[in-house]
PDB file of N, CA and C in Angstrom:
ATOM      1  N   MET A   1     224.337 -51.175  71.912  1.00  0.00           N
ATOM      2  CA  MET A   1     224.858 -52.088  72.792  1.00  0.00           C
ATOM      3  C   MET A   1     225.223 -53.357  72.063  1.00  0.00           C
ATOM      4  N   GLY A   2     224.869 -53.572  70.929  1.00  0.00           N
ATOM      5  CA  GLY A   2     225.478 -54.930  70.193  1.00  0.00           C
ATOM      6  C   GLY A   2     225.417 -55.072  68.939  1.00  0.00           C
ATOM      7  N   GLY A   3     225.965 -55.906  68.257  1.00  0.00           N
ATOM      8  CA  GLY A   3     225.719 -56.279  66.908  1.00  0.00           C
ATOM      9  C   GLY A   3     226.820 -57.189  66.338  1.00  0.00           C
ATOM     10  N   PRO A   4     227.319 -57.279  65.113  1.00  0.00           N
ATOM     11  CA  PRO A   4     228.445 -58.322  64.594  1.00  0.00           C
ATOM     12  C   PRO A   4     229.484 -58.135  65.489  1.00  0.00           C
ATOM     13  N   SER A   5     230.413 -58.975  65.640  1.00  0.00           N
ATOM     14  CA  SER A   5     231.744 -59.113  66.276  1.00  0.00           C
ATOM     15  C   SER A   5     232.592 -58.102  65.551  1.00  0.00           C
ATOM     16  N   ARG A   6     233.482 -57.474  66.323  1.00  0.00           N
ATOM     17  CA  ARG A   6     234.298 -56.641  65.715  1.00  0.00           C
ATOM     18  C   ARG A   6     235.778 -57.026  65.845  1.00  0.00           C
ATOM     19  N   SER A   7     235.923 -58.422  66.354  1.00  0.00           N
ATOM     20  CA  SER A   7     236.934 -59.243  66.383  1.00  0.00           C
ATOM     21  C   SER A   7     237.170 -60.308  65.380  1.00  0.00           C
ATOM     22  N   GLU A   8     238.402 -60.216  64.686  1.00  0.00           N
ATOM     23  CA  GLU A   8     238.720 -61.074  63.559  1.00  0.00           C
ATOM     24  C   GLU A   8     238.705 -62.598  63.727  1.00  0.00           C
ATOM     25  N   GLN A   9     239.033 -63.062  65.109  1.00  0.00           N
ATOM     26  CA  GLN A   9     238.850 -64.341  65.446  1.00  0.00           C
ATOM     27  C   GLN A   9     237.526 -64.696  65.967  1.00  0.00           C
ATOM     28  N   PHE A  10     236.478 -63.909  66.197  1.00  0.00           N
ATOM     29  CA  PHE A  10     235.447 -64.283  66.175  1.00  0.00           C
ATOM     30  C   PHE A  10     234.202 -63.575  65.441  1.00  0.00           C
ATOM     31  N   LEU A  11     234.512 -63.689  64.376  1.00  0.00           N
ATOM     32  CA  LEU A  11     233.735 -62.988  62.953  1.00  0.00           C
ATOM     33  C   LEU A  11     232.461 -63.671  62.826  1.00  0.00           C
ATOM     34  N   ASP A  12     231.999 -64.674  63.603  1.00  0.00           N
ATOM     35  CA  ASP A  12     230.758 -65.273  63.378  1.00  0.00           C
ATOM     36  C   ASP A  12     229.907 -65.405  64.321  1.00  0.00           C
ATOM     37  N   ARG A  13     230.311 -64.503  65.325  1.00  0.00           N
ATOM     38  CA  ARG A  13     229.389 -64.239  66.449  1.00  0.00           C
ATOM     39  C   ARG A  13     228.949 -62.979  66.538  1.00  0.00           C
ATOM     40  N   ALA A  14     227.809 -62.682  67.249  1.00  0.00           N
ATOM     41  CA  ALA A  14     227.390 -61.330  67.854  1.00  0.00           C
ATOM     42  C   ALA A  14     228.270 -60.949  68.946  1.00  0.00           C
ATOM     43  N   GLU A  15     228.342 -59.514  69.020  1.00  0.00           N
ATOM     44  CA  GLU A  15     228.933 -59.082  70.290  1.00  0.00           C
ATOM     45  C   GLU A  15     228.159 -58.036  70.912  1.00  0.00           C
ATOM     46  N   LEU A  16     228.375 -58.143  72.132  1.00  0.00           N
ATOM     47  CA  LEU A  16     227.600 -57.040  72.982  1.00  0.00           C
ATOM     48  C   LEU A  16     228.870 -55.991  73.264  1.00  0.00           C
ATOM     49  N   TYR A  17     228.606 -54.868  72.786  1.00  0.00           N
ATOM     50  CA  TYR A  17     229.527 -54.000  72.619  1.00  0.00           C
ATOM     51  C   TYR A  17     230.128 -53.034  74.090  1.00  0.00           C
ATOM     52  N   ALA A  18     228.819 -52.751  74.616  1.00  0.00           N
ATOM     53  CA  ALA A  18     228.969 -52.168  76.025  1.00  0.00           C
ATOM     54  C   ALA A  18     227.611 -52.228  76.837  1.00  0.00           C
ATOM     55  N   LEU A  19     227.998 -52.421  78.368  1.00  0.00           N
ATOM     56  CA  LEU A  19     226.718 -52.367  78.909  1.00  0.00           C
ATOM     57  C   LEU A  19     227.217 -51.633  80.389  1.00  0.00           C
ATOM     58  N   TYR A  20     226.419 -50.618  80.610  1.00  0.00           N
ATOM     59  CA  TYR A  20     226.992 -49.776  81.817  1.00  0.00           C
ATOM     60  C   TYR A  20     225.669 -49.673  82.767  1.00  0.00           C
ATOM     61  N   LEU A  21     225.718 -49.887  83.953  1.00  0.00           N
ATOM     62  CA  LEU A  21     224.746 -49.480  84.915  1.00  0.00           C
ATOM     63  C   LEU A  21     224.964 -48.701  85.822  1.00  0.00           C
ATOM     64  N   LEU A  22     224.435 -47.594  86.420  1.00  0.00           N
ATOM     65  CA  LEU A  22     224.580 -46.982  87.527  1.00  0.00           C
ATOM     66  C   LEU A  22     224.467 -47.905  88.765  1.00  0.00           C
ATOM     67  N   SER A  23     225.446 -47.841  89.953  1.00  0.00           N
ATOM     68  CA  SER A  23     225.448 -48.579  91.078  1.00  0.00           C
ATOM     69  C   SER A  23     224.272 -48.739  91.811  1.00  0.00           C
ATOM     70  N   THR A  24     223.336 -47.588  91.646  1.00  0.00           N
ATOM     71  CA  THR A  24     222.055 -47.384  92.414  1.00  0.00           C
ATOM     72  C   THR A  24     221.069 -48.320  91.740  1.00  0.00           C
ATOM     73  N   VAL A  25     221.172 -48.860  90.433  1.00  0.00           N
ATOM     74  CA  VAL A  25     220.353 -49.845  89.954  1.00  0.00           C
ATOM     75  C   VAL A  25     220.951 -51.260  89.678  1.00  0.00           C
ATOM     76  N   GLN A  26     222.141 -51.679  90.071  1.00  0.00           N
ATOM     77  CA  GLN A  26     222.629 -52.695  89.751  1.00  0.00           C
ATOM     78  C   GLN A  26     221.806 -53.755  90.825  1.00  0.00           C
ATOM     79  N   GLY A  27     221.974 -55.113  90.453  1.00  0.00           N
ATOM     80  CA  GLY A  27     221.481 -55.887  91.512  1.00  0.00           C
ATOM     81  C   GLY A  27     219.870 -56.236  91.281  1.00  0.00           C
ATOM     82  N   GLN A  28     219.230 -55.498  90.176  1.00  0.00           N
ATOM     83  CA  GLN A  28     217.966 -55.382  90.255  1.00  0.00           C
ATOM     84  C   GLN A  28     217.421 -56.103  89.041  1.00  0.00           C
ATOM     85  N   GLY A  29     218.169 -56.990  88.375  1.00  0.00           N
ATOM     86  CA  GLY A  29     217.851 -57.637  87.125  1.00  0.00           C
ATOM     87  C   GLY A  29     218.169 -56.854  85.840  1.00  0.00           C
ATOM     88  N   LEU A  30     218.396 -55.638  86.062  1.00  0.00           N
ATOM     89  CA  LEU A  30     218.297 -54.727  84.590  1.00  0.00           C
ATOM     90  C   LEU A  30     219.475 -55.460  83.748  1.00  0.00           C
ATOM     91  N   GLY A  31     220.585 -55.629  84.137  1.00  0.00           N
ATOM     92  CA  GLY A  31     221.756 -55.971  83.445  1.00  0.00           C
ATOM     93  C   GLY A  31     221.096 -57.190  82.727  1.00  0.00           C
ATOM     94  N   SER A  32     220.586 -58.104  83.324  1.00  0.00           N
ATOM     95  CA  SER A  32     220.022 -59.547  82.532  1.00  0.00           C
ATOM     96  C   SER A  32     219.225 -59.153  81.599  1.00  0.00           C
ATOM     97  N   LYS A  33     218.052 -58.339  81.767  1.00  0.00           N
ATOM     98  CA  LYS A  33     217.230 -58.067  80.946  1.00  0.00           C
ATOM     99  C   LYS A  33     217.850 -57.486  79.699  1.00  0.00           C
ATOM    100  N   LEU A  34     218.618 -56.424  79.739  1.00  0.00           N
ATOM    101  CA  LEU A  34     219.506 -55.915  78.809  1.00  0.00           C
ATOM    102  C   LEU A  34     220.226 -56.743  77.883  1.00  0.00           C
ATOM    103  N   VAL A  35     220.941 -57.641  78.639  1.00  0.00           N
ATOM    104  CA  VAL A  35     221.601 -58.656  77.925  1.00  0.00           C
ATOM    105  C   VAL A  35     220.828 -59.623  77.193  1.00  0.00           C
ATOM    106  N   SER A  36     219.911 -59.856  77.705  1.00  0.00           N
ATOM    107  CA  SER A  36     218.822 -60.871  77.224  1.00  0.00           C
ATOM    108  C   SER A  36     218.195 -60.089  75.731  1.00  0.00           C
ATOM    109  N   HIS A  37     218.069 -58.840  75.944  1.00  0.00           N
ATOM    110  CA  HIS A  37     217.293 -58.329  74.743  1.00  0.00           C
ATOM    111  C   HIS A  37     218.258 -57.988  73.472  1.00  0.00           C
ATOM    112  N   VAL A  38     219.807 -57.976  73.796  1.00  0.00           N
ATOM    113  CA  VAL A  38     220.714 -58.030  72.855  1.00  0.00           C
ATOM    114  C   VAL A  38     220.929 -59.409  72.251  1.00  0.00           C
ATOM    115  N   MET A  39     220.565 -60.478  73.017  1.00  0.00           N
ATOM    116  CA  MET A  39     220.626 -61.878  72.581  1.00  0.00           C
ATOM    117  C   MET A  39     219.524 -61.976  71.721  1.00  0.00           C
ATOM    118  N   GLU A  40     218.116 -61.555  71.936  1.00  0.00           N
ATOM    119  CA  GLU A  40     217.303 -61.731  71.063  1.00  0.00           C
ATOM    120  C   GLU A  40     217.502 -60.983  69.827  1.00  0.00           C
ATOM    121  N   HIS A  41     217.873 -59.736  69.930  1.00  0.00           N
ATOM    122  CA  HIS A  41     218.127 -59.208  68.803  1.00  0.00           C
ATOM    123  C   HIS A  41     219.149 -59.755  67.833  1.00  0.00           C
ATOM    124  N   SER A  42     220.330 -60.215  68.629  1.00  0.00           N
ATOM    125  CA  SER A  42     221.359 -61.090  67.804  1.00  0.00           C
ATOM    126  C   SER A  42     220.562 -62.313  66.977  1.00  0.00           C
ATOM    127  N   LYS A  43     219.868 -63.052  67.682  1.00  0.00           N
ATOM    128  CA  LYS A  43     219.231 -64.135  67.060  1.00  0.00           C
ATOM    129  C   LYS A  43     218.508 -63.879  65.980  1.00  0.00           C
ATOM    130  N   SER A  44     217.699 -62.717  65.938  1.00  0.00           N
ATOM    131  CA  SER A  44     216.964 -62.144  64.662  1.00  0.00           C
ATOM    132  C   SER A  44     217.838 -62.055  63.491  1.00  0.00           C
ATOM    133  N   PHE A  45     219.209 -61.809  63.790  1.00  0.00           N
ATOM    134  CA  PHE A  45     220.065 -61.877  62.649  1.00  0.00           C
ATOM    135  C   PHE A  45     220.857 -63.035  62.201  1.00  0.00           C
ATOM    136  N   GLY A  46     220.383 -64.117  63.051  1.00  0.00           N
ATOM    137  CA  GLY A  46     221.037 -65.386  62.569  1.00  0.00           C
ATOM    138  C   GLY A  46     221.954 -65.912  63.441  1.00  0.00           C
ATOM    139  N   HIS A  47     222.446 -65.103  64.435  1.00  0.00           N
ATOM    140  CA  HIS A  47     223.703 -65.609  65.409  1.00  0.00           C
ATOM    141  C   HIS A  47     223.083 -66.531  66.349  1.00  0.00           C
ATOM    142  N   THR A  48     224.052 -67.634  66.613  1.00  0.00           N
ATOM    143  CA  THR A  48     223.740 -68.456  67.582  1.00  0.00           C
ATOM    144  C   THR A  48     224.640 -68.328  68.904  1.00  0.00           C
ATOM    145  N   ASN A  49     225.711 -67.579  68.541  1.00  0.00           N
ATOM    146  CA  ASN A  49     226.740 -67.137  69.725  1.00  0.00           C
ATOM    147  C   ASN A  49     226.934 -65.813  69.895  1.00  0.00           C
ATOM    148  N   MET A  50     227.255 -65.325  71.110  1.00  0.00           N
ATOM    149  CA  MET A  50     227.387 -63.887  71.472  1.00  0.00           C
ATOM    150  C   MET A  50     228.631 -63.747  72.530  1.00  0.00           C
ATOM    151  N   LEU A  51     229.475 -62.756  72.150  1.00  0.00           N
ATOM    152  CA  LEU A  51     230.787 -62.290  72.987  1.00  0.00           C
ATOM    153  C   LEU A  51     230.558 -61.192  73.423  1.00  0.00           C
ATOM    154  N   VAL A  52     231.329 -60.953  74.563  1.00  0.00           N
ATOM    155  CA  VAL A  52     231.770 -59.545  75.226  1.00  0.00           C
ATOM    156  C   VAL A  52     233.103 -59.607  75.464  1.00  0.00           C
ATOM    157  N   TRP A  53     233.950 -58.407  75.548  1.00  0.00           N
ATOM    158  CA  TRP A  53     234.960 -58.317  75.904  1.00  0.00           C
ATOM    159  C   TRP A  53     234.955 -57.215  77.233  1.00  0.00           C
ATOM    160  N   VAL A  54     235.716 -57.971  78.127  1.00  0.00           N
ATOM    161  CA  VAL A  54     235.656 -57.505  79.576  1.00  0.00           C
ATOM    162  C   VAL A  54     237.172 -57.227  80.079  1.00  0.00           C
ATOM    163  N   LEU A  55     237.756 -56.055  80.598  1.00  0.00           N
ATOM    164  CA  LEU A  55     238.889 -55.819  81.178  1.00  0.00           C
ATOM    165  C   LEU A  55     238.995 -56.712  82.456  1.00  0.00           C
ATOM    166  N   LYS A  56     240.232 -57.220  82.456  1.00  0.00           N
ATOM    167  CA  LYS A  56     240.665 -58.292  83.437  1.00  0.00           C
ATOM    168  C   LYS A  56     240.430 -57.572  84.782  1.00  0.00           C
ATOM    169  N   GLY A  57     239.601 -58.180  86.048  1.00  0.00           N
ATOM    170  CA  GLY A  57     239.584 -57.521  87.159  1.00  0.00           C
ATOM    171  C   GLY A  57     238.391 -56.581  87.187  1.00  0.00           C
ATOM    172  N   ASN A  58     237.373 -56.650  86.066  1.00  0.00           N
ATOM    173  CA  ASN A  58     236.189 -55.815  86.270  1.00  0.00           C
ATOM    174  C   ASN A  58     235.144 -56.795  86.934  1.00  0.00           C
ATOM    175  N   ARG A  59     234.355 -56.066  87.670  1.00  0.00           N
ATOM    176  CA  ARG A  59     233.277 -56.967  88.448  1.00  0.00           C
ATOM    177  C   ARG A  59     232.332 -57.469  87.453  1.00  0.00           C
ATOM    178  N   ALA A  60     232.243 -56.964  86.093  1.00  0.00           N
ATOM    179  CA  ALA A  60     231.282 -57.379  85.213  1.00  0.00           C
ATOM    180  C   ALA A  60     231.636 -59.034  84.732  1.00  0.00           C
ATOM    181  N   LEU A  61     232.807 -59.343  85.029  1.00  0.00           N
ATOM    182  CA  LEU A  61     233.324 -60.814  84.807  1.00  0.00           C
ATOM    183  C   LEU A  61     232.254 -61.682  85.356  1.00  0.00           C
ATOM    184  N   GLN A  62     232.055 -61.322  86.857  1.00  0.00           N
ATOM    185  CA  GLN A  62     231.465 -62.291  87.520  1.00  0.00           C
ATOM    186  C   GLN A  62     230.004 -62.280  87.198  1.00  0.00           C
ATOM    187  N   PHE A  63     229.374 -60.844  87.093  1.00  0.00           N
ATOM    188  CA  PHE A  63     228.235 -60.823  86.299  1.00  0.00           C
ATOM    189  C   PHE A  63     227.893 -61.875  84.921  1.00  0.00           C
ATOM    190  N   TYR A  64     228.707 -61.858  83.856  1.00  0.00           N
ATOM    191  CA  TYR A  64     228.672 -62.256  82.982  1.00  0.00           C
ATOM    192  C   TYR A  64     228.568 -63.876  83.124  1.00  0.00           C
ATOM    193  N   ARG A  65     229.597 -64.159  84.150  1.00  0.00           N
ATOM    194  CA  ARG A  65     229.654 -65.775  84.399  1.00  0.00           C
ATOM    195  C   ARG A  65     228.142 -66.213  85.044  1.00  0.00           C
ATOM    196  N   ARG A  66     227.366 -65.511  85.865  1.00  0.00           N
ATOM    197  CA  ARG A  66     226.293 -65.726  86.138  1.00  0.00           C
ATOM    198  C   ARG A  66     225.203 -65.739  85.370  1.00  0.00           C
ATOM    199  N   THR A  67     225.312 -65.158  83.975  1.00  0.00           N
ATOM    200  CA  THR A  67     224.324 -65.392  82.951  1.00  0.00           C
ATOM    201  C   THR A  67     224.653 -66.429  82.319  1.00  0.00           C
ATOM    202  N   GLY A  68     225.975 -67.050  82.292  1.00  0.00           N
ATOM    203  CA  GLY A  68     226.294 -68.126  81.656  1.00  0.00           C
ATOM    204  C   GLY A  68     227.361 -68.108  80.603  1.00  0.00           C
ATOM    205  N   ALA A  69     227.932 -66.946  80.551  1.00  0.00           N
ATOM    206  CA  ALA A  69     228.912 -66.937  79.490  1.00  0.00           C
ATOM    207  C   ALA A  69     230.447 -67.602  80.342  1.00  0.00           C
ATOM    208  N   ILE A  70     231.541 -68.042  79.055  1.00  0.00           N
ATOM    209  CA  ILE A  70     232.379 -68.507  79.670  1.00  0.00           C
ATOM    210  C   ILE A  70     233.626 -68.051  78.916  1.00  0.00           C
ATOM    211  N   ILE A  71     234.912 -67.973  79.408  1.00  0.00           N
ATOM    212  CA  ILE A  71     235.855 -67.356  78.949  1.00  0.00           C
ATOM    213  C   ILE A  71     236.176 -67.976  77.615  1.00  0.00           C
ATOM    214  N   VAL A  72     236.863 -67.477  76.538  1.00  0.00           N
ATOM    215  CA  VAL A  72     237.142 -67.792  75.309  1.00  0.00           C
ATOM    216  C   VAL A  72     238.410 -67.483  74.865  1.00  0.00           C
ATOM    217  N   GLY A  73     239.003 -66.481  75.441  1.00  0.00           N
ATOM    218  CA  GLY A  73     240.118 -65.837  74.952  1.00  0.00           C
ATOM    219  C   GLY A  73     240.497 -64.563  75.616  1.00  0.00           C
ATOM    220  N   GLU A  74     241.406 -63.961  75.378  1.00  0.00           N
ATOM    221  CA  GLU A  74     242.155 -62.864  76.088  1.00  0.00           C
ATOM    222  C   GLU A  74     243.186 -62.220  75.001  1.00  0.00           C
ATOM    223  N   LYS A  75     243.274 -60.901  75.322  1.00  0.00           N
ATOM    224  CA  LYS A  75     244.176 -60.078  74.379  1.00  0.00           C
ATOM    225  C   LYS A  75     244.666 -59.008  75.324  1.00  0.00           C
ATOM    226  N   GLU A  76     245.954 -58.603  74.659  1.00  0.00           N
ATOM    227  CA  GLU A  76     246.428 -57.231  75.425  1.00  0.00           C
ATOM    228  C   GLU A  76     246.189 -56.185  74.797  1.00  0.00           C
ATOM    229  N   ILE A  77     245.632 -55.304  75.355  1.00  0.00           N
ATOM    230  CA  ILE A  77     245.266 -53.883  74.852  1.00  0.00           C
ATOM    231  C   ILE A  77     246.166 -52.516  75.511  1.00  0.00           C
ATOM    232  N   GLU A  78     246.206 -51.512  75.015  1.00  0.00           N
ATOM    233  CA  GLU A  78     246.531 -50.271  75.817  1.00  0.00           C
ATOM    234  C   GLU A  78     245.667 -49.248  75.890  1.00  0.00           C
ATOM    235  N   ILE A  79     245.553 -48.707  76.985  1.00  0.00           N
ATOM    236  CA  ILE A  79     244.379 -47.910  77.337  1.00  0.00           C
ATOM    237  C   ILE A  79     245.092 -46.422  77.776  1.00  0.00           C
ATOM    238  N   GLY A  80     245.361 -45.385  77.384  1.00  0.00           N
ATOM    239  CA  GLY A  80     246.037 -44.232  78.040  1.00  0.00           C
ATOM    240  C   GLY A  80     247.601 -44.620  78.091  1.00  0.00           C
ATOM    241  N   GLY A  81     248.179 -45.355  77.292  1.00  0.00           N
ATOM    242  CA  GLY A  81     249.759 -45.601  77.329  1.00  0.00           C
ATOM    243  C   GLY A  81     249.846 -46.742  78.232  1.00  0.00           C
ATOM    244  N   GLU A  82     248.888 -47.399  78.851  1.00  0.00           N
ATOM    245  CA  GLU A  82     248.994 -48.546  79.723  1.00  0.00           C
ATOM    246  C   GLU A  82     248.497 -49.782  79.401  1.00  0.00           C
ATOM    247  N   PRO A  83     249.280 -50.629  79.478  1.00  0.00           N
ATOM    248  CA  PRO A  83     248.635 -52.164  79.057  1.00  0.00           C
ATOM    249  C   PRO A  83     247.578 -52.765  79.964  1.00  0.00           C
ATOM    250  N   HIS A  84     246.860 -53.545  79.358  1.00  0.00           N
ATOM    251  CA  HIS A  84     245.751 -53.969  80.027  1.00  0.00           C
ATOM    252  C   HIS A  84     245.183 -55.276  79.285  1.00  0.00           C
ATOM    253  N   THR A  85     244.635 -56.210  80.179  1.00  0.00           N
ATOM    254  CA  THR A  85     244.426 -57.399  79.260  1.00  0.00           C
ATOM    255  C   THR A  85     242.738 -57.468  79.278  1.00  0.00           C
ATOM    256  N   GLU A  86     242.388 -57.714  78.213  1.00  0.00           N
ATOM    257  CA  GLU A  86     240.952 -57.893  78.177  1.00  0.00           C
ATOM    258  C   GLU A  86     240.501 -59.710  77.969  1.00  0.00           C
ATOM    259  N   ILE A  87     239.502 -59.765  78.470  1.00  0.00           N
ATOM    260  CA  ILE A  87     239.011 -61.135  78.480  1.00  0.00           C
ATOM    261  C   ILE A  87     238.074 -61.325  77.683  1.00  0.00           C
ATOM    262  N   ALA A  88     237.865 -62.220  76.593  1.00  0.00           N
ATOM    263  CA  ALA A  88     236.532 -62.687  75.705  1.00  0.00           C
ATOM    264  C   ALA A  88     235.724 -63.586  76.605  1.00  0.00           C
ATOM    265  N   MET A  89     234.326 -63.307  76.807  1.00  0.00           N
ATOM    266  CA  MET A  89     233.540 -64.056  77.130  1.00  0.00           C
ATOM    267  C   MET A  89     232.627 -64.496  76.109  1.00  0.00           C
ATOM    268  N   GLU A  90     231.892 -65.616  76.091  1.00  0.00           N
ATOM    269  CA  GLU A  90     230.802 -66.222  75.408  1.00  0.00           C
ATOM    270  C   GLU A  90     229.810 -66.875  75.770  1.00  0.00           C
ATOM    271  N   TRP A  91     228.616 -66.375  75.281  1.00  0.00           N
ATOM    272  CA  TRP A  91     227.517 -67.202  75.335  1.00  0.00           C
ATOM    273  C   TRP A  91     227.083 -68.212  74.462  1.00  0.00           C
ATOM    274  N   GLY A  92     227.204 -69.431  74.451  1.00  0.00           N
ATOM    275  CA  GLY A  92     226.987 -70.513  73.353  1.00  0.00           C
ATOM    276  C   GLY A  92     225.631 -70.796  73.097  1.00  0.00           C
ATOM    277  N   GLN A  93     224.746 -70.162  73.898  1.00  0.00           N
ATOM    278  CA  GLN A  93     223.238 -70.366  73.695  1.00  0.00           C
ATOM    279  C   GLN A  93     222.776 -68.897  73.838  1.00  0.00           C
ATOM    280  N   LEU A  94     221.853 -68.408  73.021  1.00  0.00           N
ATOM    281  CA  LEU A  94     221.457 -67.022  73.319  1.00  0.00           C
ATOM    282  C   LEU A  94     220.277 -66.899  74.189  1.00  0.00           C
ATOM    283  N   SER A  95     220.615 -67.428  75.330  1.00  0.00           N
ATOM    284  CA  SER A  95     219.584 -67.154  76.423  1.00  0.00           C
ATOM    285  C   SER A  95     219.818 -67.316  77.731  1.00  0.00           C
ATOM    286  N   ILE A  96     219.171 -66.433  78.707  1.00  0.00           N
ATOM    287  CA  ILE A  96     219.845 -66.439  79.907  1.00  0.00           C
ATOM    288  C   ILE A  96     218.760 -67.333  80.809  1.00  0.00           C
TER     289      ILE A  96
END
């Protein structure tokens, strides 16, 4: 789920690589618990900040905002030959 940042511009941060929940369990606090777990794991390795990359328009942007993440950057990527914008969101303190 997470580890050291894979982005050159954010090498000093931890990164949440992926988080997916079935729609049937969304809204029950599981996502927040999983993010919190990755934060605790990251802290044990000395990280004080964590980021996640989210596709523009993804509902997860609102979820991450509610957990305290802020937008710190964006980049253009290609998926299946189509251009997409990925948004970098960061938690400045590793706690929810």
